Amino acid sequence: MTPSPFHGIFSALQEGAGRGGSLFGGDDPTPPPASSAGTSAVGRVAVDIYEQDDYYIIKAPIAGVRLSDLDIEVNENVITIRGMRRQTDALPQDQYYLQECFWGEFSRSVTLPTVVDPRKIKATFNKENVLKILVPKEERVKIVKINEA
């Protein structure tokens, strides 16, 4: 198996990320509990991250969200997806038997192994509400020191 540039980056998730190593926007990779009336918790989005050809691809199914409710921010090697999932049913909290879906603001940050040029990133949002962010892999320049003979 070829070593991945992500090798070790996501190990905190496999080793129990409560120890401060998670790179997904906080120390705990588990989503917060479902929002209830009067709370201001920020939800999280599940993502798949993989390599394909010359791209790192971040894929996030985000049901119940419109493209106008999404924002993608790039800061060096961190990509942050923010948005708002709006509840369309106005039901009183006491009518729910179970509420696992998060409604309200959400945010998810992903740290990539290299600095990213925001002008080269492409994103699509299809009719199934799957956000797909394509981040081109940057060629790393190898510095070679030349000695005079």
Protein backbone atom coordinates (compact mmCIF):
# COMPACT_ATOMS: atom_id res chain seq x y z
CA MET A 1 0.00 0.00 0.00
CA THR A 2 1.37 3.43 -0.98
CA PRO A 3 1.70 5.86 1.94
CA SER A 4 -0.89 8.63 1.78
CA PRO A 5 -0.11 12.32 2.38
CA PHE A 6 -2.89 12.08 4.96
CA HIS A 7 -1.05 9.33 6.85
CA GLY A 8 -1.19 10.18 10.52
CA ILE A 9 -3.44 13.21 10.07
CA PHE A 10 -6.62 11.33 10.83
CA SER A 11 -5.12 8.91 13.34
CA ALA A 12 -6.70 10.82 16.22
CA LEU A 13 -10.09 9.64 15.01
CA GLN A 14 -9.03 6.02 15.14
CA GLU A 15 -7.22 6.33 18.48
CA GLY A 16 -9.99 8.21 20.28
CA ALA A 17 -9.95 11.83 19.27
CA GLY A 18 -10.87 13.20 22.65
CA ARG A 19 -7.14 13.62 23.25
CA GLY A 20 -6.71 16.78 21.25
CA GLY A 21 -5.53 15.52 17.87
CA SER A 22 -8.62 15.79 15.72
CA LEU A 23 -8.33 18.01 12.69
CA PHE A 24 -12.04 18.22 12.08
CA GLY A 25 -12.92 21.46 13.81
CA GLY A 26 -12.63 20.40 17.44
CA ASP A 27 -11.33 17.73 19.75
CA ASP A 28 -14.37 15.47 19.53
CA PRO A 29 -15.23 13.89 16.14
CA THR A 30 -18.74 12.96 17.24
CA PRO A 31 -21.56 15.28 16.32
CA PRO A 32 -23.25 17.30 19.04
CA PRO A 33 -26.68 16.24 20.26
CA ALA A 34 -29.67 17.35 18.24
CA SER A 35 -30.60 20.97 18.72
CA SER A 36 -33.50 21.85 20.92
CA ALA A 37 -35.38 25.11 21.21
CA GLY A 38 -33.31 27.86 22.76
CA THR A 39 -29.86 26.32 22.28
CA SER A 40 -27.19 27.74 20.03
CA ALA A 41 -25.14 24.61 19.36
CA VAL A 42 -23.34 24.40 16.04
CA GLY A 43 -23.78 21.13 14.18
CA ARG A 44 -21.26 19.22 12.12
CA VAL A 45 -21.28 17.74 8.65
CA ALA A 46 -20.08 14.23 7.86
CA VAL A 47 -17.41 14.15 5.14
CA ASP A 48 -15.55 11.64 3.01
CA ILE A 49 -12.04 12.65 1.96
CA TYR A 50 -10.14 10.80 -0.73
CA GLU A 51 -7.62 11.19 -3.53
CA GLN A 52 -8.49 10.79 -7.16
CA ASP A 53 -6.11 11.55 -9.99
CA ASP A 54 -4.58 14.98 -9.25
CA TYR A 55 -7.15 16.04 -6.65
CA TYR A 56 -8.00 15.70 -2.99
CA ILE A 57 -11.78 15.40 -2.87
CA ILE A 58 -13.99 16.33 0.05
CA LYS A 59 -17.51 14.97 -0.28
CA ALA A 60 -20.34 15.94 2.10
CA PRO A 61 -23.98 14.90 1.79
CA ILE A 62 -25.93 17.82 3.24
CA ALA A 63 -29.67 17.11 3.08
CA GLY A 64 -32.08 19.95 3.61
CA VAL A 65 -29.63 22.69 2.59
CA ARG A 66 -29.74 25.05 -0.36
CA LEU A 67 -26.64 26.21 -2.19
CA SER A 68 -27.33 29.76 -1.02
CA ASP A 69 -27.06 28.52 2.60
CA LEU A 70 -23.48 27.20 2.10
CA ASP A 71 -20.15 28.94 2.52
CA ILE A 72 -16.72 27.42 1.83
CA GLU A 73 -13.71 29.18 3.32
CA VAL A 74 -10.04 28.41 2.62
CA ASN A 75 -7.28 29.49 4.98
CA GLU A 76 -3.85 28.11 4.02
CA ASN A 77 -4.36 24.33 4.36
CA VAL A 78 -7.72 24.39 6.19
CA ILE A 79 -11.03 24.21 4.32
CA THR A 80 -14.14 25.10 6.32
CA ILE A 81 -17.68 24.31 5.22
CA ARG A 82 -20.36 26.40 6.94
CA GLY A 83 -24.06 26.57 6.43
CA MET A 84 -27.55 26.54 7.78
CA ARG A 85 -30.05 23.68 7.77
CA ARG A 86 -33.51 25.13 8.25
CA GLN A 87 -36.34 23.24 9.92
CA THR A 88 -39.48 23.64 7.80
CA ASP A 89 -41.88 21.97 10.26
CA ALA A 90 -42.89 24.11 13.21
CA LEU A 91 -43.52 21.38 15.77
CA PRO A 92 -43.37 21.90 19.53
CA GLN A 93 -40.44 20.09 21.14
CA ASP A 94 -42.74 17.89 23.26
CA GLN A 95 -44.25 16.30 20.13
CA TYR A 96 -40.98 14.59 19.19
CA TYR A 97 -40.37 11.01 20.23
CA LEU A 98 -36.86 11.10 18.80
CA GLN A 99 -34.93 13.97 17.23
CA GLU A 100 -31.54 12.98 15.76
CA CYS A 101 -31.38 15.41 12.85
CA PHE A 102 -29.49 18.61 13.50
CA TRP A 103 -31.24 21.79 12.44
CA GLY A 104 -29.51 25.14 12.51
CA GLU A 105 -25.97 26.31 11.85
CA PHE A 106 -23.26 23.80 11.05
CA SER A 107 -19.54 23.97 10.44
CA ARG A 108 -16.80 21.51 9.54
CA SER A 109 -13.09 22.18 9.08
CA VAL A 110 -10.72 19.84 7.29
CA THR A 111 -6.94 20.19 7.39
CA LEU A 112 -5.17 19.12 4.22
CA PRO A 113 -1.51 18.03 4.05
CA THR A 114 -0.48 21.04 1.93
CA VAL A 115 -1.29 24.72 1.55
CA VAL A 116 -4.21 25.26 -0.82
CA ASP A 117 -4.62 27.93 -3.51
CA PRO A 118 -8.25 29.04 -3.10
CA ARG A 119 -8.42 30.21 -6.73
CA LYS A 120 -7.90 26.63 -7.96
CA ILE A 121 -10.56 24.92 -5.83
CA LYS A 122 -13.76 23.79 -7.53
CA ALA A 123 -17.00 22.89 -5.79
CA THR A 124 -20.21 21.31 -7.02
CA PHE A 125 -23.54 20.82 -5.27
CA ASN A 126 -25.76 18.34 -7.07
CA LYS A 127 -29.52 17.82 -6.96
CA GLU A 128 -29.07 15.07 -4.34
CA ASN A 129 -27.55 17.78 -2.08
CA VAL A 130 -24.05 16.32 -2.11
CA LEU A 131 -21.31 18.92 -1.88
CA LYS A 132 -18.11 17.91 -3.65
CA ILE A 133 -14.98 20.04 -3.25
CA LEU A 134 -12.08 19.34 -5.62
CA VAL A 135 -8.71 20.54 -4.36
CA PRO A 136 -5.87 20.18 -6.87
CA LYS A 137 -2.72 18.61 -5.51
CA GLU A 138 0.11 21.10 -5.64
CA GLU A 139 3.44 20.02 -6.99
CA ARG A 140 5.99 20.18 -4.22
CA VAL A 141 9.21 21.76 -5.32
CA LYS A 142 12.25 19.80 -4.25
CA ILE A 143 15.16 22.05 -3.33
CA VAL A 144 18.50 20.70 -4.37
CA LYS A 145 21.68 22.34 -3.09
CA ILE A 146 24.38 22.61 -5.73
CA ASN A 147 27.98 22.80 -4.53
CA GLU A 148 30.64 24.51 -6.61
CA ALA A 149 33.43 22.20 -7.73
